[in-house]
Protein backbone atom coordinates (compact mmCIF):
# COMPACT_ATOMS: atom_id res chain seq x y z
CA MET A 1 -7.16 55.68 -16.25
CA GLY A 2 -10.58 54.16 -16.81
CA LEU A 3 -13.89 55.95 -17.19
CA SER A 4 -15.02 54.86 -13.74
CA GLU A 5 -11.96 56.49 -12.19
CA TRP A 6 -12.64 59.78 -14.03
CA LEU A 7 -16.26 59.71 -12.91
CA SER A 8 -15.13 59.29 -9.30
CA TYR A 9 -13.59 62.77 -9.32
CA ARG A 10 -15.56 65.66 -7.87
CA PRO A 11 -15.27 69.21 -9.33
CA GLU A 12 -13.14 70.36 -6.40
CA ASP A 13 -10.65 67.57 -7.13
CA LEU A 14 -9.82 69.26 -10.45
CA LEU A 15 -8.78 72.54 -8.84
CA MET A 16 -5.10 73.02 -8.09
CA PHE A 17 -5.59 75.28 -5.06
CA SER A 18 -7.66 75.65 -1.93
CA LEU A 19 -10.00 78.43 -0.88
CA ARG A 20 -7.39 79.75 1.55
CA VAL A 21 -4.75 79.89 -1.20
CA TYR A 22 -7.20 81.74 -3.45
CA GLU A 23 -8.07 84.24 -0.72
CA ARG A 24 -4.38 84.76 0.02
CA LEU A 25 -3.92 86.01 -3.56
CA PHE A 26 -5.96 89.10 -2.79
CA GLU A 27 -4.14 89.79 0.47
CA LEU A 28 -0.74 89.66 -1.27
CA HIS A 29 -2.09 91.66 -4.20
CA ASN A 30 -3.37 94.42 -1.92
CA GLN A 31 -0.15 94.53 0.07
CA ALA A 32 1.90 94.92 -3.09
CA LEU A 33 -0.30 97.65 -4.58
CA TRP A 34 -1.05 99.79 -1.52
CA PRO A 35 -2.02 102.68 -1.67
CA MET A 36 -3.31 102.23 -5.24
CA GLN A 37 -6.64 101.10 -3.75
CA LEU A 38 -7.37 104.72 -2.83
CA LEU A 39 -6.72 105.87 -6.40
CA ALA A 40 -8.83 103.04 -7.79
CA LEU A 41 -11.76 103.93 -5.53
CA GLY A 42 -11.42 107.60 -6.50
CA LEU A 43 -11.49 106.77 -10.20
CA GLY A 44 -14.43 104.46 -9.57
CA GLY A 45 -16.24 107.37 -7.95
CA ALA A 46 -15.51 109.51 -11.04
CA MET A 47 -17.01 106.82 -13.27
CA LEU A 48 -20.08 106.62 -11.04
CA PHE A 49 -20.52 110.40 -11.34
CA ALA A 50 -20.29 110.11 -15.12
CA LEU A 51 -22.92 107.36 -15.09
CA LEU A 52 -25.27 109.45 -12.97
CA ARG A 53 -24.81 112.58 -15.12
CA PRO A 54 -24.23 111.13 -18.57
CA ARG A 55 -22.38 113.26 -21.12
CA PRO A 56 -20.52 112.15 -24.27
CA TRP A 57 -17.15 112.99 -22.70
CA GLY A 58 -18.13 111.10 -19.55
CA THR A 59 -19.01 107.98 -21.51
CA ARG A 60 -15.63 108.09 -23.25
CA LEU A 61 -13.93 108.57 -19.87
CA ILE A 62 -15.65 105.48 -18.46
CA ALA A 63 -14.64 103.41 -21.48
CA ALA A 64 -11.03 104.63 -21.23
CA LEU A 65 -10.71 103.94 -17.50
CA LEU A 66 -12.28 100.51 -17.82
CA ALA A 67 -9.98 99.67 -20.73
CA VAL A 68 -6.90 100.58 -18.68
CA ALA A 69 -8.23 98.53 -15.77
CA TRP A 70 -8.76 95.42 -17.93
CA VAL A 71 -5.15 95.56 -19.12
CA PHE A 72 -3.80 96.25 -15.63
CA VAL A 73 -5.77 93.40 -14.02
CA ALA A 74 -4.70 91.05 -16.80
CA TRP A 75 -1.05 91.71 -16.05
CA ALA A 76 -0.92 92.49 -12.32
CA PHE A 77 -3.43 89.95 -11.02
CA LEU A 78 -4.09 87.25 -13.60
CA TRP A 79 -0.58 86.87 -14.99
CA GLN A 80 1.49 87.76 -11.94
CA ARG A 81 -0.56 86.03 -9.23
CA TYR A 82 -3.35 83.78 -10.49
CA ALA A 83 -1.63 82.03 -13.40
CA PRO A 84 1.10 80.47 -11.19
CA ILE A 85 -1.55 78.46 -9.29
CA ASN A 86 -4.00 77.97 -12.17
CA TRP A 87 -2.43 77.17 -15.55
CA GLY A 88 -5.69 77.83 -17.40
CA ILE A 89 -5.60 81.53 -16.53
CA ARG A 90 -2.79 82.19 -19.01
CA TYR A 91 -5.35 81.60 -21.76
CA VAL A 92 -7.71 84.13 -20.18
CA VAL A 93 -5.20 86.98 -20.19
CA PRO A 94 -5.55 87.65 -23.96
CA LEU A 95 -9.33 87.88 -23.53
CA PHE A 96 -8.87 90.63 -20.95
CA VAL A 97 -6.66 92.53 -23.39
CA LEU A 98 -9.28 91.98 -26.10
CA GLN A 99 -11.93 93.45 -23.79
CA ALA A 100 -9.79 96.56 -23.38
CA LEU A 101 -9.50 96.92 -27.15
CA LEU A 102 -13.27 96.52 -27.53
CA LEU A 103 -13.87 99.25 -24.95
CA ILE A 104 -11.57 101.60 -26.87
CA ALA A 105 -13.00 100.73 -30.28
CA LEU A 106 -16.68 100.70 -29.31
CA GLY A 107 -16.74 103.20 -26.48
CA MET A 108 -14.21 105.90 -27.31
CA LEU A 109 -14.22 106.29 -31.07
CA LYS A 110 -16.61 108.54 -33.00
CA GLY A 111 -20.24 107.52 -32.67
CA GLY A 112 -19.46 105.30 -29.69
CA LEU A 113 -21.74 104.50 -26.78
CA GLY A 114 -24.58 106.47 -25.28
CA LEU A 115 -25.87 106.21 -21.71
CA PRO A 116 -29.50 106.71 -20.63
CA ALA A 117 -30.26 110.15 -19.22
CA ARG A 118 -33.62 109.20 -17.69
CA TRP A 119 -34.43 106.57 -15.12
CA SER A 120 -35.49 103.20 -16.47
CA VAL A 121 -35.15 99.53 -15.59
CA PRO A 122 -31.92 99.10 -17.64
CA ARG A 123 -30.39 102.20 -16.05
CA GLY A 124 -31.42 101.13 -12.55
CA LEU A 125 -29.98 97.63 -12.97
CA GLY A 126 -26.81 98.95 -14.60
CA LEU A 127 -26.20 101.41 -11.79
CA ALA A 128 -26.94 98.73 -9.19
CA LEU A 129 -24.28 96.49 -10.74
CA PHE A 130 -21.76 99.32 -10.81
CA LEU A 131 -22.50 100.33 -7.21
CA HIS A 132 -22.06 96.74 -6.10
CA ALA A 133 -18.70 96.53 -7.86
CA LEU A 134 -17.50 99.82 -6.41
CA ILE A 135 -18.79 99.63 -2.82
CA LEU A 136 -20.38 96.33 -1.83
CA HIS A 137 -18.00 93.87 -3.48
CA PRO A 138 -14.92 95.05 -1.54
CA LEU A 139 -16.90 94.92 1.71
CA MET A 140 -17.84 91.27 1.11
CA ALA A 141 -14.37 90.39 2.39
CA LEU A 142 -15.51 91.32 5.92
CA PRO A 143 -18.25 88.69 6.45
CA ALA A 144 -16.01 86.18 4.71
CA GLY A 145 -13.45 86.68 7.48
CA ARG A 146 -10.74 88.04 5.18
CA GLY A 147 -10.74 91.60 6.46
CA LEU A 148 -10.20 94.62 4.25
CA GLN A 149 -6.70 93.38 3.45
CA GLY A 150 -8.41 90.74 1.32
CA ALA A 151 -10.90 93.10 -0.33
CA GLU A 152 -11.48 92.91 -4.07
CA VAL A 153 -11.30 96.48 -5.37
CA LEU A 154 -12.69 97.74 -8.66
CA GLY A 155 -9.89 98.34 -11.15
CA LEU A 156 -7.43 96.10 -9.33
CA THR A 157 -9.18 92.70 -9.29
CA PRO A 158 -11.21 90.86 -11.92
CA ASP A 159 -14.63 90.19 -10.37
CA PRO A 160 -15.65 93.78 -9.53
CA LEU A 161 -14.15 94.94 -12.82
CA ALA A 162 -16.25 92.47 -14.79
CA ILE A 163 -19.40 93.35 -12.81
CA ALA A 164 -18.85 97.10 -13.29
CA THR A 165 -18.34 96.59 -17.02
CA LEU A 166 -21.52 94.55 -17.19
CA GLY A 167 -23.34 97.40 -15.48
CA MET A 168 -22.11 99.99 -17.95
CA ALA A 169 -22.68 97.85 -21.04
CA ALA A 170 -26.10 96.67 -19.86
CA MET A 171 -27.59 100.16 -20.05
CA ALA A 172 -25.56 101.56 -22.96
CA SER A 173 -26.75 102.04 -26.51
CA PRO A 174 -26.75 101.30 -29.39
CA ALA A 175 -27.25 97.60 -28.82
CA GLN A 176 -24.92 96.52 -31.64
CA ARG A 177 -22.03 98.20 -29.83
CA ALA A 178 -23.06 97.29 -26.28
CA TRP A 179 -23.64 93.56 -26.76
CA PRO A 180 -20.00 92.71 -27.65
CA LEU A 181 -18.86 94.44 -24.44
CA LEU A 182 -20.95 92.03 -22.36
CA VAL A 183 -19.49 88.75 -23.61
CA ILE A 184 -16.07 88.58 -21.94
CA PRO A 185 -17.20 90.05 -18.57
CA ALA A 186 -20.12 87.62 -18.51
CA LEU A 187 -17.86 84.66 -19.29
CA TRP A 188 -15.45 85.69 -16.55
CA CYS A 189 -18.28 86.05 -14.02
CA LEU A 190 -19.58 82.58 -14.90
CA VAL A 191 -16.11 81.04 -14.55
CA SER A 192 -15.37 82.91 -11.34
CA GLY A 193 -18.74 82.12 -9.77
CA THR A 194 -18.37 78.45 -10.64
CA THR A 195 -14.83 78.37 -9.22
CA LEU A 196 -15.93 80.01 -5.98
CA ALA A 197 -18.89 77.65 -5.65
CA THR A 198 -16.58 74.67 -6.18
CA LEU A 199 -14.25 76.00 -3.49
CA GLY A 200 -17.19 76.41 -1.13
CA ALA A 201 -16.80 80.20 -0.89
CA ALA A 202 -19.70 82.24 0.42
CA GLY A 203 -19.27 84.89 -2.29
CA ALA A 204 -19.98 82.70 -5.29
CA TRP A 205 -23.40 84.20 -6.07
CA PRO A 206 -22.64 87.89 -6.94
CA PRO A 207 -20.81 87.18 -10.24
CA LEU A 208 -23.51 84.74 -11.32
CA LEU A 209 -26.33 87.08 -10.34
CA ALA A 210 -24.59 89.95 -12.14
CA VAL A 211 -24.77 88.06 -15.44
CA GLY A 212 -28.49 87.48 -15.01
CA LEU A 213 -29.21 91.11 -14.12
CA ALA A 214 -27.10 92.39 -17.02
CA LEU A 215 -29.03 90.20 -19.47
CA VAL A 216 -32.36 91.41 -18.09
CA ALA A 217 -31.23 95.03 -18.45
CA ARG A 218 -29.84 94.48 -21.94
CA LEU A 219 -33.00 92.75 -23.18
CA TRP A 220 -35.39 95.25 -21.58
CA PRO A 221 -37.27 97.40 -24.13
CA ARG A 222 -35.51 100.71 -24.73
CA GLY A 223 -36.98 104.13 -25.31
CA SER A 224 -35.26 106.60 -23.00
CA PRO A 225 -33.05 109.32 -24.48
CA THR A 226 -29.33 108.76 -24.14
CA ALA A 227 -26.33 111.06 -23.83
């Protein structure tokens, strides 16, 4: 195949699935897992409470729950559902497991992460990202015409999980422990947003915007006490 033939391809020509096939993944995923969505939302609410009232035990709880979610999503969604229609996803699965290990090592062990106890720009942006992942992201299925059966729920699907992790890591301290936790979620959001944009999906912008907001929060000057 000549160079001119390669250049004639558009980005959407390189994808092995359509938007409808991609959306169908979430419908089948939700059908198979019901009623785990209720548990996932409940645990998400517990993490939100811990973010709003930061304590050392709460920070460790958030890290533990997020770590479990990264492993679960890697197996139940990426490996079981997404990889069969997108061969490249099999190489992403180990990164999700690595993210879980980083959350355990950097967030749960002695001298782990601290969360801001006072309101600040990093805390506001971090909480906004987490609230989007927990509440708004699942509801985006409604204007997209997928209904709640196609909702992407925190802890069960990759995009809200990555956005929630960005929110937590964006406001956490110290920086040398928080920065490594941003890398894999940010990379996933960039890949996911690009894929959705290529498919022509209306929800391509939240993952991309989440990366930008997380970087702003992470780079914002610190100074507030943490817990």
